Protein backbone atom coordinates (compact mmCIF):
# COMPACT_ATOMS: atom_id res chain seq x y z
CA MET A 1 67.89 71.60 118.26
CA ASN A 2 71.04 73.09 116.78
CA PHE A 3 74.10 73.19 119.04
CA GLU A 4 76.42 75.50 117.12
CA ILE A 5 79.69 75.08 119.03
CA ALA A 6 79.39 71.27 119.13
CA GLU A 7 78.28 71.37 115.47
CA ILE A 8 75.45 68.90 115.96
CA PHE A 9 71.68 68.97 115.42
CA ILE A 10 69.85 66.70 117.84
CA SER A 11 66.75 66.50 120.03
CA PRO A 12 67.37 68.13 123.45
CA TRP A 13 65.88 65.04 125.10
CA ILE A 14 68.87 62.92 124.06
CA PRO A 15 71.59 64.81 126.02
CA LEU A 16 69.16 65.23 128.91
CA LEU A 17 68.48 61.47 129.12
CA TRP A 18 72.14 60.60 128.66
CA GLY A 19 72.96 62.93 131.54
CA VAL A 20 70.42 61.04 133.67
CA LEU A 21 72.23 57.79 132.81
CA VAL A 22 75.61 59.29 133.72
CA GLY A 23 74.33 60.58 137.07
CA PHE A 24 72.56 57.31 137.84
CA VAL A 25 75.64 55.16 137.15
CA PHE A 26 77.98 57.53 139.00
CA SER A 27 75.73 57.63 142.09
CA THR A 28 75.09 53.86 142.21
CA VAL A 29 78.35 52.30 141.02
CA GLY A 30 80.68 55.13 142.03
CA ALA A 31 82.79 54.89 138.87
CA ALA A 32 82.89 55.55 135.12
CA GLY A 33 80.88 58.79 135.20
CA GLY A 34 83.46 60.68 133.14
CA ILE A 35 83.86 57.72 130.79
CA LEU A 36 80.11 57.51 130.09
CA ALA A 37 79.95 61.28 129.65
CA SER A 38 82.69 61.12 127.00
CA VAL A 39 81.13 58.10 125.29
CA GLY A 40 77.82 59.92 125.12
CA LEU A 41 79.38 63.02 123.61
CA ILE A 42 81.34 61.01 121.04
CA SER A 43 79.04 58.13 120.07
CA VAL A 44 75.52 59.26 121.03
CA LEU A 45 75.68 63.00 120.35
CA SER A 46 78.32 62.68 117.58
CA VAL A 47 80.61 65.47 118.80
CA GLN A 48 83.72 65.26 116.62
CA ASN A 49 86.03 67.65 118.47
CA PRO A 50 87.99 65.81 121.20
CA ASN A 51 89.09 69.10 122.76
CA LEU A 52 85.42 69.92 123.37
CA VAL A 53 84.61 66.45 124.70
CA LYS A 54 87.29 66.50 127.42
CA PRO A 55 86.28 69.61 129.43
CA MET A 56 82.55 68.98 128.86
CA ALA A 57 82.91 65.47 130.33
CA GLN A 58 84.95 66.79 133.25
CA MET A 59 82.23 69.32 134.02
CA LEU A 60 79.84 66.43 134.62
CA THR A 61 82.29 64.73 136.99
CA LEU A 62 82.26 67.84 139.18
CA ILE A 63 78.65 67.32 140.23
CA THR A 64 79.33 64.48 142.65
CA PRO A 65 82.13 66.31 144.54
CA ALA A 66 80.01 69.47 144.69
CA ILE A 67 77.23 67.56 146.42
CA ALA A 68 79.31 65.11 148.42
CA VAL A 69 82.20 67.15 149.86
CA PRO A 70 80.05 69.47 152.05
CA LEU A 71 78.25 66.41 153.44
CA TYR A 72 81.52 64.62 154.14
CA TYR A 73 82.88 67.76 155.78
CA LYS A 74 79.97 67.79 158.23
CA GLN A 75 80.82 64.20 159.12
CA CYS A 76 84.54 65.02 159.68
CA ARG A 77 85.61 62.48 157.05
CA VAL A 78 87.85 64.68 154.87
CA ILE A 79 91.64 64.39 155.32
CA PHE A 80 92.35 67.98 154.33
CA SER A 81 96.14 67.64 154.41
CA LEU A 82 95.97 64.72 151.98
CA ALA A 83 93.38 66.40 149.75
CA ILE A 84 95.51 69.57 149.59
CA LEU A 85 98.64 67.61 148.65
CA LEU A 86 96.79 65.58 146.01
CA GLY A 87 95.09 68.73 144.74
CA THR A 88 98.27 70.83 144.66
CA GLY A 89 100.10 68.18 142.68
CA GLY A 90 96.94 67.79 140.61
CA ILE A 91 96.94 71.48 139.65
CA ILE A 92 100.38 71.11 138.11
CA GLY A 93 99.46 67.82 136.46
CA ALA A 94 96.15 69.15 135.12
CA VAL A 95 97.84 72.10 133.42
CA VAL A 96 100.47 69.83 131.87
CA GLY A 97 97.98 67.13 130.83
CA SER A 98 95.39 69.45 129.29
CA THR A 99 98.05 71.47 127.47
CA LEU A 100 99.62 68.35 125.94
CA SER A 101 96.18 66.97 125.11
CA VAL A 102 95.06 70.06 123.20
CA ILE A 103 98.15 69.71 121.02
CA HIS A 104 98.56 65.95 120.64
CA LEU A 105 95.05 64.53 121.12
CA ALA A 106 93.07 66.99 119.01
CA ASP A 107 92.27 64.45 116.26
CA MET A 108 89.38 62.08 116.98
CA GLN A 109 91.16 59.29 115.09
CA ILE A 110 94.05 59.53 117.54
CA PHE A 111 91.95 60.26 120.63
CA LYS A 112 89.51 57.33 120.30
CA PRO A 113 92.04 54.45 120.51
CA VAL A 114 93.86 56.12 123.42
CA PHE A 115 90.50 56.65 125.14
CA ALA A 116 89.62 53.02 124.38
CA VAL A 117 92.62 51.78 126.35
CA LEU A 118 91.44 53.86 129.33
CA VAL A 119 87.92 52.43 129.01
CA LEU A 120 89.27 48.86 129.06
CA LEU A 121 91.44 49.63 132.09
CA ILE A 122 88.43 50.91 134.00
CA ALA A 123 86.39 47.89 132.90
CA ALA A 124 89.17 45.67 134.28
CA GLN A 125 89.15 47.59 137.56
CA ILE A 126 85.38 47.26 137.94
CA GLY A 127 85.62 43.55 137.14
CA TRP A 128 88.36 43.14 139.74
CA HIS A 129 86.15 44.74 142.38
CA ILE A 130 83.32 42.34 141.51
CA PHE A 131 85.39 39.24 142.24
CA TYR A 132 87.77 40.63 144.87
CA ARG A 133 86.66 40.39 148.50
CA GLU A 134 88.70 42.29 151.06
CA ASN A 135 90.28 40.38 153.89
CA ASN A 136 88.22 40.62 157.07
CA GLY A 137 91.23 40.54 159.35
CA THR A 138 91.92 42.75 162.29
CA ASN A 139 94.27 45.29 160.69
CA ARG A 140 93.84 48.94 161.55
CA VAL A 141 91.88 49.70 158.37
CA ASN A 142 89.24 47.12 159.22
CA ARG A 143 89.25 48.14 162.88
CA ALA A 144 88.69 51.77 161.95
CA ALA A 145 85.88 50.83 159.57
CA SER A 146 84.28 48.63 162.21
CA ASN A 147 84.55 51.35 164.87
CA PHE A 148 82.98 53.94 162.58
CA GLU A 149 80.16 51.62 161.47
CA HIS A 150 79.42 50.76 165.11
CA LEU A 151 79.18 54.45 165.99
CA ILE A 152 76.80 55.18 163.11
CA GLU A 153 74.62 52.16 163.90
CA ASN A 154 74.20 53.56 167.40
CA ASP A 155 73.32 57.05 166.12
CA GLY A 156 76.59 58.54 167.34
CA ASN A 157 78.12 61.80 166.13
CA PRO A 158 80.70 60.98 163.38
CA CYS A 159 82.90 63.89 164.43
CA THR A 160 83.61 62.29 167.79
CA VAL A 161 85.83 59.80 165.95
CA GLY A 162 86.39 61.88 162.81
CA VAL A 163 89.68 62.89 161.21
CA LYS A 164 92.01 64.69 163.62
CA HIS A 165 95.58 65.57 162.66
CA THR A 166 98.24 64.83 165.24
CA GLN A 167 101.50 65.61 163.41
CA TYR A 168 102.68 67.81 160.55
CA SER A 169 106.22 67.70 159.14
CA PHE A 170 108.00 67.56 155.78
CA ARG A 171 108.59 63.85 156.32
CA LYS A 172 105.42 62.67 157.99
CA ILE A 173 101.80 63.64 158.48
CA SER A 174 99.74 61.68 161.01
CA PHE A 175 96.04 61.68 161.85
CA THR A 176 93.54 59.61 163.75
CA PHE A 177 90.23 58.28 162.51
CA ALA A 178 87.85 56.02 164.42
CA ASP A 179 90.42 55.49 167.20
CA GLU A 180 93.15 54.33 164.79
CA THR A 181 96.30 56.24 163.75
CA PHE A 182 97.40 56.61 160.13
CA SER A 183 100.41 58.40 158.63
CA PHE A 184 102.02 59.12 155.26
CA ASN A 185 104.96 60.89 153.62
CA PRO A 186 103.71 64.17 152.06
CA LEU A 187 105.77 63.67 148.89
CA LEU A 188 103.89 60.49 147.97
CA PRO A 189 100.41 62.02 147.44
CA PHE A 190 101.85 65.21 145.91
CA PHE A 191 103.63 63.43 143.05
CA THR A 192 100.91 60.79 142.70
CA GLY A 193 98.28 63.51 142.41
CA MET A 194 100.39 65.19 139.76
CA GLY A 195 100.72 61.99 137.72
CA ILE A 196 97.03 61.08 137.96
CA ALA A 197 96.00 64.60 136.96
CA VAL A 198 98.23 64.53 133.86
CA PHE A 199 96.54 61.32 132.75
CA SER A 200 92.95 62.20 133.65
CA SER A 201 93.00 65.78 132.34
CA ALA A 202 94.52 64.65 129.05
CA LEU A 203 91.62 62.23 128.54
CA GLY A 204 88.86 64.31 130.12
CA VAL A 205 87.96 62.10 133.10
CA GLY A 206 87.83 62.67 136.84
CA GLY A 207 90.64 60.36 137.94
CA GLY A 208 88.79 58.66 140.78
CA PHE A 209 89.42 55.25 139.23
CA LEU A 210 93.13 55.81 139.97
CA LEU A 211 92.91 57.84 143.17
CA VAL A 212 90.70 55.39 145.05
CA PRO A 213 92.94 52.32 144.50
CA PHE A 214 96.01 54.40 145.34
CA MET A 215 94.55 55.53 148.66
CA SER A 216 93.14 52.09 149.46
CA ILE A 217 95.95 49.76 148.34
CA ILE A 218 99.09 51.91 148.60
CA MET A 219 98.21 54.26 151.46
CA ARG A 220 96.03 51.69 153.29
CA LEU A 221 93.26 54.08 154.32
CA PRO A 222 89.63 53.25 155.21
CA MET A 223 87.01 53.76 152.49
CA PHE A 224 85.08 56.06 154.84
CA VAL A 225 87.76 58.74 154.38
CA ILE A 226 88.84 57.81 150.85
CA ALA A 227 85.57 58.79 149.16
CA ALA A 228 85.50 62.15 150.91
CA THR A 229 89.15 63.04 150.34
CA SER A 230 89.35 61.87 146.72
CA ALA A 231 86.20 63.82 145.83
CA LEU A 232 87.82 67.07 146.99
CA ALA A 233 91.10 66.34 145.20
CA ILE A 234 89.24 65.46 141.97
CA ALA A 235 87.29 68.72 142.15
CA VAL A 236 90.52 70.75 142.44
CA HIS A 237 92.32 69.25 139.47
CA SER A 238 89.15 68.99 137.31
CA ILE A 239 88.45 72.71 137.75
CA THR A 240 92.08 73.45 136.87
CA SER A 241 91.90 71.24 133.79
CA ILE A 242 88.65 72.81 132.54
CA ALA A 243 89.99 76.33 133.10
CA ASN A 244 93.17 75.52 131.18
CA TYR A 245 91.25 74.05 128.25
CA MET A 246 89.26 77.28 128.09
CA ARG A 247 92.44 79.36 128.40
CA LEU A 248 93.85 77.46 125.43
CA GLY A 249 90.85 78.45 123.32
CA VAL A 250 88.35 75.62 123.82
CA GLU A 251 84.83 77.08 123.89
CA LEU A 252 82.21 75.07 125.79
CA ASP A 253 78.79 74.51 124.25
CA ILE A 254 76.75 75.98 127.10
CA PRO A 255 73.22 74.91 125.97
CA LEU A 256 74.41 71.32 125.43
CA LEU A 257 76.32 71.34 128.71
CA GLY A 258 73.26 72.69 130.53
CA LEU A 259 71.12 69.78 129.35
CA LEU A 260 73.78 67.22 130.26
CA LEU A 261 74.30 68.77 133.70
CA THR A 262 70.55 68.88 134.39
CA GLY A 263 70.22 65.23 133.47
CA THR A 264 73.26 64.28 135.56
CA VAL A 265 71.85 66.00 138.64
CA LEU A 266 68.52 64.21 138.17
CA GLY A 267 70.30 60.88 137.73
CA ALA A 268 72.43 61.47 140.82
CA LEU A 269 69.31 62.21 142.85
CA ILE A 270 67.25 59.21 141.72
CA GLY A 271 70.20 56.78 141.75
CA PRO A 272 70.25 56.19 145.54
CA TYR A 273 66.50 55.50 145.56
CA LEU A 274 66.44 53.12 142.57
CA SER A 275 69.63 51.36 143.65
CA LYS A 276 67.79 49.94 146.67
CA PHE A 277 65.89 47.68 144.27
CA LEU A 278 68.93 46.65 142.20
CA HIS A 279 71.84 44.37 143.05
CA GLU A 280 75.09 46.37 143.01
CA THR A 281 77.08 43.43 141.63
CA TRP A 282 74.69 43.17 138.68
CA LEU A 283 75.05 46.88 137.99
CA ARG A 284 78.83 46.65 138.09
CA GLY A 285 78.78 43.56 135.88
CA ILE A 286 76.58 45.17 133.23
CA LEU A 287 78.68 48.33 133.27
CA CYS A 288 81.87 46.27 132.96
CA LEU A 289 80.53 44.44 129.90
CA VAL A 290 79.31 47.67 128.29
CA LEU A 291 82.71 49.31 128.79
CA ILE A 292 84.50 46.29 127.29
CA VAL A 293 82.29 46.50 124.20
CA ILE A 294 82.88 50.26 123.91
CA GLY A 295 86.63 49.89 124.33
CA LEU A 296 86.90 47.15 121.72
CA ARG A 297 84.65 49.10 119.36
CA TYR A 298 86.80 52.24 119.69
CA LEU A 299 89.85 50.09 118.94
CA ALA A 300 88.05 48.95 115.76
CA VAL A 301 88.17 45.30 116.83
CA PHE A 302 84.70 44.88 115.32
């Protein structure tokens, strides 16, 4: 099949199956979806235009938020104030990052080594999560997680202990979740969201690999609200980034994108079922090794 805009001739089964792999990995491991999408476009499908790769890959990362955010909303697990601040900063960052990328990362010979560094960073993060085990102490994060898990185990309504804002000001925003109180300075997520969006939009990835550690390690929030809130923020700045790439003249290959999206949806649907028979640590370990090989290969180490 001839994909004119991507300038490739390839069997339609290949992008469809690669999309399945992207959706499966994203839904089971929760990371590297945008990375695998870009790798597939560059190394499997042989797309040679980096400015086409970036928005096409980001389109695939939008699937998870589109499915997940409405479900999280029904469970009252979205911190809307935080998502809005991350997203607002992300809009600015996405415009800046995608604009700079179109100009300075338009050559595949320049884009691949920069992308390789990102791949290795994500591999390192996945590896860290394999060996790192969170402290089981009695801090408020663990107490909130324990309270929420206890409620769900007893078939309780998540919204009874869901996110409820208690204070809004220019200096502090506070909310409760699972009977614990959390607060943050609004400027912190705004400027962090801006910085992450510059980086992720320039390289055509979602940015979750940076947002999740920021919200977990820096902001000290429970994972039950991190996944929901980061998904919404990623959706906002990814849509902005894609729109800006198109405004700057990048034309998406719709037939190719349609096959990739179809495969990604299928992979995201079958992932939760197949993952029950697979050990998550093994999946993360294999993905980590694959990303290391890809990163070193793109750096021309071998």
